[in-house]
C-alpha cells in the first residue's frame, strides 16, 4: 500500500498548514481506495495466462486502459475508432 500511495502523492505535503495537508491526505486515500476497488471489480487480481495472483499497479492500469492503439477513421460523416485486433 505504501508504494502505491507514493504513486498517488502521499510522499508530498500540500502546504505547511494542518487542514490543507489533512484534506490532501484524505483525497489521496480516497483516490487510492477507488483505484483498489476498480482493480478488484473490473480487472481482477489474477493473470489470465498463468492463473496466478498478480499485483496491478496504477501505472499498469493507465497503460492498459488509456494507451490503447486505435485509428480514427472518417466515413459517411461519422468518426469511428478502429482498434487493433491483436491488442489484449
PDB file of N, CA and C in Angstrom:
ATOM      1  N   UNK A   1       0.817  -1.188   0.000  1.00  0.00           N
ATOM      2  CA  UNK A   1       0.000   0.000   0.000  1.00  0.00           C
ATOM      3  C   UNK A   1       0.865   1.258   0.000  1.00  0.00           C
ATOM      4  N   UNK A   2       1.987   1.232   0.666  1.00  0.00           N
ATOM      5  CA  UNK A   2       2.813   2.434   0.748  1.00  0.00           C
ATOM      6  C   UNK A   2       3.394   2.766  -0.618  1.00  0.00           C
ATOM      7  N   UNK A   3       3.829   1.751  -1.380  1.00  0.00           N
ATOM      8  CA  UNK A   3       4.390   2.011  -2.696  1.00  0.00           C
ATOM      9  C   UNK A   3       3.332   2.599  -3.624  1.00  0.00           C
ATOM     10  N   UNK A   4       2.126   2.071  -3.585  1.00  0.00           N
ATOM     11  CA  UNK A   4       1.058   2.620  -4.409  1.00  0.00           C
ATOM     12  C   UNK A   4       0.637   3.992  -3.911  1.00  0.00           C
ATOM     13  N   UNK A   5       0.662   4.208  -2.602  1.00  0.00           N
ATOM     14  CA  UNK A   5       0.316   5.514  -2.051  1.00  0.00           C
ATOM     15  C   UNK A   5       1.281   6.595  -2.490  1.00  0.00           C
ATOM     16  N   UNK A   6       2.538   6.239  -2.626  1.00  0.00           N
ATOM     17  CA  UNK A   6       3.530   7.200  -3.108  1.00  0.00           C
ATOM     18  C   UNK A   6       3.236   7.579  -4.555  1.00  0.00           C
ATOM     19  N   UNK A   7       2.765   6.622  -5.348  1.00  0.00           N
ATOM     20  CA  UNK A   7       2.395   6.933  -6.729  1.00  0.00           C
ATOM     21  C   UNK A   7       1.219   7.896  -6.806  1.00  0.00           C
ATOM     22  N   UNK A   8       0.394   7.922  -5.763  1.00  0.00           N
ATOM     23  CA  UNK A   8      -0.744   8.838  -5.724  1.00  0.00           C
ATOM     24  C   UNK A   8      -0.389  10.185  -5.117  1.00  0.00           C
ATOM     25  N   UNK A   9       0.776  10.328  -4.541  1.00  0.00           N
ATOM     26  CA  UNK A   9       1.196  11.608  -3.996  1.00  0.00           C
ATOM     27  C   UNK A   9       1.231  11.676  -2.483  1.00  0.00           C
ATOM     28  N   UNK A  10       1.305  10.548  -1.804  1.00  0.00           N
ATOM     29  CA  UNK A  10       1.365  10.572  -0.345  1.00  0.00           C
ATOM     30  C   UNK A  10       2.718  11.017   0.189  1.00  0.00           C
ATOM     31  N   UNK A  11       3.710  11.076  -0.663  1.00  0.00           N
ATOM     32  CA  UNK A  11       5.048  11.458  -0.204  1.00  0.00           C
ATOM     33  C   UNK A  11       5.252  12.971  -0.167  1.00  0.00           C
ATOM     34  N   UNK A  12       4.239  13.749  -0.516  1.00  0.00           N
ATOM     35  CA  UNK A  12       4.373  15.207  -0.519  1.00  0.00           C
ATOM     36  C   UNK A  12       3.319  15.834   0.388  1.00  0.00           C
ATOM     37  N   UNK A  13       3.630  17.007   0.878  1.00  0.00           N
ATOM     38  CA  UNK A  13       2.678  17.813   1.640  1.00  0.00           C
ATOM     39  C   UNK A  13       2.248  18.984   0.780  1.00  0.00           C
ATOM     40  N   UNK A  14       0.981  19.350   0.863  1.00  0.00           N
ATOM     41  CA  UNK A  14       0.474  20.455   0.055  1.00  0.00           C
ATOM     42  C   UNK A  14       1.022  21.790   0.572  1.00  0.00           C
ATOM     43  N   UNK A  15       0.971  21.994   1.873  1.00  0.00           N
ATOM     44  CA  UNK A  15       1.449  23.239   2.482  1.00  0.00           C
ATOM     45  C   UNK A  15       2.069  22.916   3.834  1.00  0.00           C
ATOM     46  N   UNK A  16       2.331  23.948   4.603  1.00  0.00           N
ATOM     47  CA  UNK A  16       2.837  23.759   5.957  1.00  0.00           C
ATOM     48  C   UNK A  16       1.714  23.827   6.996  1.00  0.00           C
ATOM     49  N   UNK A  17       0.477  23.926   6.539  1.00  0.00           N
ATOM     50  CA  UNK A  17      -0.660  24.021   7.456  1.00  0.00           C
ATOM     51  C   UNK A  17      -1.356  22.677   7.573  1.00  0.00           C
ATOM     52  N   UNK A  18      -2.006  22.467   8.711  1.00  0.00           N
ATOM     53  CA  UNK A  18      -2.571  21.166   9.014  1.00  0.00           C
ATOM     54  C   UNK A  18      -3.778  20.821   8.133  1.00  0.00           C
ATOM     55  N   UNK A  19      -4.766  21.694   8.059  1.00  0.00           N
ATOM     56  CA  UNK A  19      -6.018  21.341   7.389  1.00  0.00           C
ATOM     57  C   UNK A  19      -5.869  21.122   5.881  1.00  0.00           C
ATOM     58  N   UNK A  20      -5.098  21.940   5.169  1.00  0.00           N
ATOM     59  CA  UNK A  20      -4.880  21.596   3.750  1.00  0.00           C
ATOM     60  C   UNK A  20      -4.150  20.266   3.571  1.00  0.00           C
ATOM     61  N   UNK A  21      -3.196  19.965   4.445  1.00  0.00           N
ATOM     62  CA  UNK A  21      -2.492  18.684   4.370  1.00  0.00           C
ATOM     63  C   UNK A  21      -3.419  17.520   4.705  1.00  0.00           C
ATOM     64  N   UNK A  22      -4.295  17.701   5.681  1.00  0.00           N
ATOM     65  CA  UNK A  22      -5.248  16.654   6.037  1.00  0.00           C
ATOM     66  C   UNK A  22      -6.212  16.404   4.879  1.00  0.00           C
ATOM     67  N   UNK A  23      -6.654  17.478   4.228  1.00  0.00           N
ATOM     68  CA  UNK A  23      -7.544  17.333   3.072  1.00  0.00           C
ATOM     69  C   UNK A  23      -6.828  16.624   1.930  1.00  0.00           C
ATOM     70  N   UNK A  24      -5.581  16.992   1.673  1.00  0.00           N
ATOM     71  CA  UNK A  24      -4.786  16.332   0.635  1.00  0.00           C
ATOM     72  C   UNK A  24      -4.627  14.856   0.940  1.00  0.00           C
ATOM     73  N   UNK A  25      -4.358  14.529   2.197  1.00  0.00           N
ATOM     74  CA  UNK A  25      -4.202  13.132   2.600  1.00  0.00           C
ATOM     75  C   UNK A  25      -5.499  12.350   2.385  1.00  0.00           C
ATOM     76  N   UNK A  26      -6.625  12.918   2.799  1.00  0.00           N
ATOM     77  CA  UNK A  26      -7.905  12.224   2.652  1.00  0.00           C
ATOM     78  C   UNK A  26      -8.282  12.028   1.187  1.00  0.00           C
ATOM     79  N   UNK A  27      -8.044  13.027   0.352  1.00  0.00           N
ATOM     80  CA  UNK A  27      -8.341  12.881  -1.076  1.00  0.00           C
ATOM     81  C   UNK A  27      -7.428  11.842  -1.729  1.00  0.00           C
ATOM     82  N   UNK A  28      -6.189  11.790  -1.290  1.00  0.00           N
ATOM     83  CA  UNK A  28      -5.269  10.791  -1.821  1.00  0.00           C
ATOM     84  C   UNK A  28      -5.698   9.382  -1.423  1.00  0.00           C
ATOM     85  N   UNK A  29      -6.096   9.202  -0.180  1.00  0.00           N
ATOM     86  CA  UNK A  29      -6.577   7.901   0.283  1.00  0.00           C
ATOM     87  C   UNK A  29      -7.871   7.528  -0.440  1.00  0.00           C
ATOM     88  N   UNK A  30      -8.730   8.499  -0.687  1.00  0.00           N
ATOM     89  CA  UNK A  30      -9.967   8.245  -1.432  1.00  0.00           C
ATOM     90  C   UNK A  30      -9.656   7.779  -2.853  1.00  0.00           C
ATOM     91  N   UNK A  31      -8.718   8.446  -3.528  1.00  0.00           N
ATOM     92  CA  UNK A  31      -8.323   8.035  -4.882  1.00  0.00           C
ATOM     93  C   UNK A  31      -7.707   6.642  -4.873  1.00  0.00           C
ATOM     94  N   UNK A  32      -6.900   6.357  -3.870  1.00  0.00           N
ATOM     95  CA  UNK A  32      -6.304   5.031  -3.744  1.00  0.00           C
ATOM     96  C   UNK A  32      -7.378   3.964  -3.539  1.00  0.00           C
ATOM     97  N   UNK A  33      -8.367   4.260  -2.700  1.00  0.00           N
ATOM     98  CA  UNK A  33      -9.446   3.303  -2.434  1.00  0.00           C
ATOM     99  C   UNK A  33     -10.276   3.050  -3.680  1.00  0.00           C
ATOM    100  N   UNK A  34     -10.579   4.100  -4.438  1.00  0.00           N
ATOM    101  CA  UNK A  34     -11.334   3.925  -5.678  1.00  0.00           C
ATOM    102  C   UNK A  34     -10.565   3.078  -6.687  1.00  0.00           C
ATOM    103  N   UNK A  35      -9.274   3.310  -6.789  1.00  0.00           N
ATOM    104  CA  UNK A  35      -8.457   2.530  -7.710  1.00  0.00           C
ATOM    105  C   UNK A  35      -8.383   1.067  -7.271  1.00  0.00           C
ATOM    106  N   UNK A  36      -8.248   0.844  -5.977  1.00  0.00           N
ATOM    107  CA  UNK A  36      -8.215  -0.536  -5.469  1.00  0.00           C
ATOM    108  C   UNK A  36      -9.533  -1.247  -5.732  1.00  0.00           C
ATOM    109  N   UNK A  37     -10.634  -0.546  -5.517  1.00  0.00           N
ATOM    110  CA  UNK A  37     -11.945  -1.124  -5.794  1.00  0.00           C
ATOM    111  C   UNK A  37     -12.086  -1.456  -7.279  1.00  0.00           C
ATOM    112  N   UNK A  38     -11.651  -0.531  -8.139  1.00  0.00           N
ATOM    113  CA  UNK A  38     -11.722  -0.757  -9.577  1.00  0.00           C
ATOM    114  C   UNK A  38     -10.891  -1.967  -9.984  1.00  0.00           C
ATOM    115  N   UNK A  39      -9.707  -2.102  -9.384  1.00  0.00           N
ATOM    116  CA  UNK A  39      -8.855  -3.252  -9.696  1.00  0.00           C
ATOM    117  C   UNK A  39      -9.525  -4.553  -9.312  1.00  0.00           C
ATOM    118  N   UNK A  40     -10.180  -4.581  -8.170  1.00  0.00           N
ATOM    119  CA  UNK A  40     -10.837  -5.803  -7.709  1.00  0.00           C
ATOM    120  C   UNK A  40     -12.045  -6.154  -8.573  1.00  0.00           C
ATOM    121  N   UNK A  41     -12.875  -5.164  -8.884  1.00  0.00           N
ATOM    122  CA  UNK A  41     -14.139  -5.426  -9.570  1.00  0.00           C
ATOM    123  C   UNK A  41     -13.946  -5.593 -11.070  1.00  0.00           C
ATOM    124  N   UNK A  42     -13.262  -4.660 -11.703  1.00  0.00           N
ATOM    125  CA  UNK A  42     -13.196  -4.647 -13.164  1.00  0.00           C
ATOM    126  C   UNK A  42     -12.049  -5.470 -13.734  1.00  0.00           C
ATOM    127  N   UNK A  43     -10.894  -5.452 -13.094  1.00  0.00           N
ATOM    128  CA  UNK A  43      -9.726  -6.093 -13.673  1.00  0.00           C
ATOM    129  C   UNK A  43      -9.478  -7.464 -13.068  1.00  0.00           C
ATOM    130  N   UNK A  44      -9.647  -7.591 -11.782  1.00  0.00           N
ATOM    131  CA  UNK A  44      -9.332  -8.847 -11.110  1.00  0.00           C
ATOM    132  C   UNK A  44      -7.854  -8.882 -10.765  1.00  0.00           C
ATOM    133  N   UNK A  45      -7.498  -9.747  -9.885  1.00  0.00           N
ATOM    134  CA  UNK A  45      -6.116  -9.808  -9.417  1.00  0.00           C
ATOM    135  C   UNK A  45      -5.406 -11.077  -9.871  1.00  0.00           C
ATOM    136  N   UNK A  46      -5.956 -11.769 -10.877  1.00  0.00           N
ATOM    137  CA  UNK A  46      -5.286 -12.965 -11.374  1.00  0.00           C
ATOM    138  C   UNK A  46      -4.869 -12.767 -12.821  1.00  0.00           C
ATOM    139  N   UNK A  47      -3.740 -13.317 -13.168  1.00  0.00           N
ATOM    140  CA  UNK A  47      -3.232 -13.239 -14.524  1.00  0.00           C
ATOM    141  C   UNK A  47      -3.993 -14.228 -15.402  1.00  0.00           C
ATOM    142  N   UNK A  48      -4.395 -13.793 -16.590  1.00  0.00           N
ATOM    143  CA  UNK A  48      -5.199 -14.638 -17.475  1.00  0.00           C
ATOM    144  C   UNK A  48      -4.390 -15.829 -17.994  1.00  0.00           C
ATOM    145  N   UNK A  49      -3.106 -15.631 -18.234  1.00  0.00           N
ATOM    146  CA  UNK A  49      -2.293 -16.705 -18.810  1.00  0.00           C
ATOM    147  C   UNK A  49      -1.887 -17.754 -17.780  1.00  0.00           C
ATOM    148  N   UNK A  50      -1.388 -17.304 -16.644  1.00  0.00           N
ATOM    149  CA  UNK A  50      -0.854 -18.256 -15.669  1.00  0.00           C
ATOM    150  C   UNK A  50      -1.852 -18.627 -14.576  1.00  0.00           C
ATOM    151  N   UNK A  51      -2.856 -17.781 -14.338  1.00  0.00           N
ATOM    152  CA  UNK A  51      -3.821 -18.056 -13.287  1.00  0.00           C
ATOM    153  C   UNK A  51      -3.322 -17.712 -11.896  1.00  0.00           C
ATOM    154  N   UNK A  52      -2.139 -17.111 -11.800  1.00  0.00           N
ATOM    155  CA  UNK A  52      -1.575 -16.742 -10.506  1.00  0.00           C
ATOM    156  C   UNK A  52      -2.014 -15.339 -10.116  1.00  0.00           C
ATOM    157  N   UNK A  53      -1.981 -15.055  -8.801  1.00  0.00           N
ATOM    158  CA  UNK A  53      -2.328 -13.727  -8.330  1.00  0.00           C
ATOM    159  C   UNK A  53      -1.245 -12.731  -8.720  1.00  0.00           C
ATOM    160  N   UNK A  54      -1.680 -11.574  -9.221  1.00  0.00           N
ATOM    161  CA  UNK A  54      -0.755 -10.544  -9.678  1.00  0.00           C
ATOM    162  C   UNK A  54      -1.160  -9.221  -9.051  1.00  0.00           C
ATOM    163  N   UNK A  55      -0.178  -8.455  -8.618  1.00  0.00           N
ATOM    164  CA  UNK A  55      -0.437  -7.136  -8.062  1.00  0.00           C
ATOM    165  C   UNK A  55      -0.403  -6.116  -9.187  1.00  0.00           C
ATOM    166  N   UNK A  56      -1.509  -5.494  -9.478  1.00  0.00           N
ATOM    167  CA  UNK A  56      -1.586  -4.493 -10.538  1.00  0.00           C
ATOM    168  C   UNK A  56      -1.337  -3.109  -9.951  1.00  0.00           C
ATOM    169  N   UNK A  57      -0.426  -2.369 -10.556  1.00  0.00           N
ATOM    170  CA  UNK A  57      -0.088  -1.029 -10.103  1.00  0.00           C
ATOM    171  C   UNK A  57      -0.831  -0.005 -10.955  1.00  0.00           C
ATOM    172  N   UNK A  58      -1.000   1.227 -10.463  1.00  0.00           N
ATOM    173  CA  UNK A  58      -1.701   2.252 -11.240  1.00  0.00           C
ATOM    174  C   UNK A  58      -1.060   2.524 -12.607  1.00  0.00           C
ATOM    175  N   UNK A  59       0.250   2.390 -12.706  1.00  0.00           N
ATOM    176  CA  UNK A  59       0.928   2.597 -13.992  1.00  0.00           C
ATOM    177  C   UNK A  59       0.457   1.558 -15.014  1.00  0.00           C
ATOM    178  N   UNK A  60       0.294   0.309 -14.579  1.00  0.00           N
ATOM    179  CA  UNK A  60      -0.198  -0.756 -15.455  1.00  0.00           C
ATOM    180  C   UNK A  60      -1.617  -0.459 -15.923  1.00  0.00           C
ATOM    181  N   UNK A  61      -2.459   0.035 -15.006  1.00  0.00           N
ATOM    182  CA  UNK A  61      -3.848   0.353 -15.356  1.00  0.00           C
ATOM    183  C   UNK A  61      -3.892   1.472 -16.380  1.00  0.00           C
ATOM    184  N   UNK A  62      -3.108   2.514 -16.167  1.00  0.00           N
ATOM    185  CA  UNK A  62      -3.088   3.620 -17.137  1.00  0.00           C
ATOM    186  C   UNK A  62      -2.628   3.139 -18.504  1.00  0.00           C
ATOM    187  N   UNK A  63      -1.611   2.307 -18.532  1.00  0.00           N
ATOM    188  CA  UNK A  63      -1.079   1.840 -19.810  1.00  0.00           C
ATOM    189  C   UNK A  63      -2.087   0.963 -20.538  1.00  0.00           C
ATOM    190  N   UNK A  64      -2.709   0.020 -19.830  1.00  0.00           N
ATOM    191  CA  UNK A  64      -3.613  -0.933 -20.470  1.00  0.00           C
ATOM    192  C   UNK A  64      -4.956  -0.330 -20.866  1.00  0.00           C
ATOM    193  N   UNK A  65      -5.442   0.649 -20.102  1.00  0.00           N
ATOM    194  CA  UNK A  65      -6.767   1.178 -20.380  1.00  0.00           C
ATOM    195  C   UNK A  65      -6.770   2.506 -21.130  1.00  0.00           C
ATOM    196  N   UNK A  66      -5.733   3.281 -20.988  1.00  0.00           N
ATOM    197  CA  UNK A  66      -5.725   4.606 -21.616  1.00  0.00           C
ATOM    198  C   UNK A  66      -4.827   4.688 -22.841  1.00  0.00           C
ATOM    199  N   UNK A  67      -3.838   3.846 -22.950  1.00  0.00           N
ATOM    200  CA  UNK A  67      -2.906   3.875 -24.081  1.00  0.00           C
ATOM    201  C   UNK A  67      -3.249   2.747 -25.063  1.00  0.00           C
ATOM    202  N   UNK A  68      -4.440   2.780 -25.590  1.00  0.00           N
ATOM    203  CA  UNK A  68      -4.903   1.732 -26.490  1.00  0.00           C
ATOM    204  C   UNK A  68      -4.665   2.194 -27.920  1.00  0.00           C
ATOM    205  N   UNK A  69      -3.989   1.379 -28.744  1.00  0.00           N
ATOM    206  CA  UNK A  69      -3.754   1.776 -30.131  1.00  0.00           C
ATOM    207  C   UNK A  69      -5.047   1.690 -30.946  1.00  0.00           C
ATOM    208  N   UNK A  70      -5.356   2.787 -31.609  1.00  0.00           N
ATOM    209  CA  UNK A  70      -6.557   2.828 -32.440  1.00  0.00           C
ATOM    210  C   UNK A  70      -6.343   3.854 -33.543  1.00  0.00           C
ATOM    211  N   UNK A  71      -7.142   3.742 -34.574  1.00  0.00           N
ATOM    212  CA  UNK A  71      -7.077   4.671 -35.688  1.00  0.00           C
ATOM    213  C   UNK A  71      -8.429   5.367 -35.797  1.00  0.00           C
ATOM    214  N   UNK A  72      -8.420   6.682 -35.920  1.00  0.00           N
ATOM    215  CA  UNK A  72      -9.649   7.455 -36.083  1.00  0.00           C
ATOM    216  C   UNK A  72      -9.967   7.538 -37.565  1.00  0.00           C
ATOM    217  N   UNK A  73     -11.118   6.985 -37.959  1.00  0.00           N
ATOM    218  CA  UNK A  73     -11.490   6.891 -39.365  1.00  0.00           C
ATOM    219  C   UNK A  73     -12.769   7.684 -39.588  1.00  0.00           C
ATOM    220  N   UNK A  74     -12.760   8.508 -40.627  1.00  0.00           N
ATOM    221  CA  UNK A  74     -13.957   9.262 -41.005  1.00  0.00           C
ATOM    222  C   UNK A  74     -14.622   8.557 -42.180  1.00  0.00           C
ATOM    223  N   UNK A  75     -15.889   8.226 -41.984  1.00  0.00           N
ATOM    224  CA  UNK A  75     -16.642   7.545 -43.028  1.00  0.00           C
ATOM    225  C   UNK A  75     -18.114   7.907 -42.885  1.00  0.00           C
ATOM    226  N   UNK A  76     -18.722   8.312 -43.982  1.00  0.00           N
ATOM    227  CA  UNK A  76     -20.145   8.656 -44.004  1.00  0.00           C
ATOM    228  C   UNK A  76     -20.492   9.698 -42.940  1.00  0.00           C
ATOM    229  N   UNK A  77     -19.675  10.717 -42.839  1.00  0.00           N
ATOM    230  CA  UNK A  77     -19.857  11.835 -41.904  1.00  0.00           C
ATOM    231  C   UNK A  77     -19.829  11.400 -40.433  1.00  0.00           C
ATOM    232  N   UNK A  78     -19.239  10.277 -40.158  1.00  0.00           N
ATOM    233  CA  UNK A  78     -19.101   9.816 -38.785  1.00  0.00           C
ATOM    234  C   UNK A  78     -17.648   9.477 -38.497  1.00  0.00           C
ATOM    235  N   UNK A  79     -17.239   9.766 -37.273  1.00  0.00           N
ATOM    236  CA  UNK A  79     -15.902   9.396 -36.825  1.00  0.00           C
ATOM    237  C   UNK A  79     -15.996   8.088 -36.056  1.00  0.00           C
ATOM    238  N   UNK A  80     -15.140   7.140 -36.411  1.00  0.00           N
ATOM    239  CA  UNK A  80     -15.143   5.827 -35.780  1.00  0.00           C
ATOM    240  C   UNK A  80     -13.730   5.467 -35.356  1.00  0.00           C
ATOM    241  N   UNK A  81     -13.613   4.862 -34.182  1.00  0.00           N
ATOM    242  CA  UNK A  81     -12.318   4.360 -33.713  1.00  0.00           C
ATOM    243  C   UNK A  81     -12.189   2.906 -34.115  1.00  0.00           C
ATOM    244  N   UNK A  82     -11.121   2.596 -34.825  1.00  0.00           N
ATOM    245  CA  UNK A  82     -10.823   1.218 -35.219  1.00  0.00           C
ATOM    246  C   UNK A  82      -9.686   0.724 -34.344  1.00  0.00           C
ATOM    247  N   UNK A  83      -9.978  -0.272 -33.530  1.00  0.00           N
ATOM    248  CA  UNK A  83      -8.980  -0.819 -32.601  1.00  0.00           C
ATOM    249  C   UNK A  83      -8.229  -1.953 -33.256  1.00  0.00           C
ATOM    250  N   UNK A  84      -7.006  -2.150 -32.820  1.00  0.00           N
ATOM    251  CA  UNK A  84      -6.170  -3.232 -33.325  1.00  0.00           C
ATOM    252  C   UNK A  84      -6.718  -4.570 -32.833  1.00  0.00           C
ATOM    253  N   UNK A  85      -6.725  -5.569 -33.707  1.00  0.00           N
ATOM    254  CA  UNK A  85      -7.281  -6.877 -33.339  1.00  0.00           C
ATOM    255  C   UNK A  85      -6.374  -7.639 -32.370  1.00  0.00           C
ATOM    256  N   UNK A  86      -5.069  -7.393 -32.411  1.00  0.00           N
ATOM    257  CA  UNK A  86      -4.165  -8.149 -31.563  1.00  0.00           C
ATOM    258  C   UNK A  86      -3.892  -7.460 -30.225  1.00  0.00           C
ATOM    259  N   UNK A  87      -4.553  -6.331 -29.935  1.00  0.00           N
ATOM    260  CA  UNK A  87      -4.365  -5.678 -28.644  1.00  0.00           C
ATOM    261  C   UNK A  87      -5.130  -6.451 -27.587  1.00  0.00           C
ATOM    262  N   UNK A  88      -4.470  -6.795 -26.505  1.00  0.00           N
ATOM    263  CA  UNK A  88      -5.147  -7.634 -25.485  1.00  0.00           C
ATOM    264  C   UNK A  88      -6.276  -6.942 -24.783  1.00  0.00           C
TER     265      UNK A  88
END
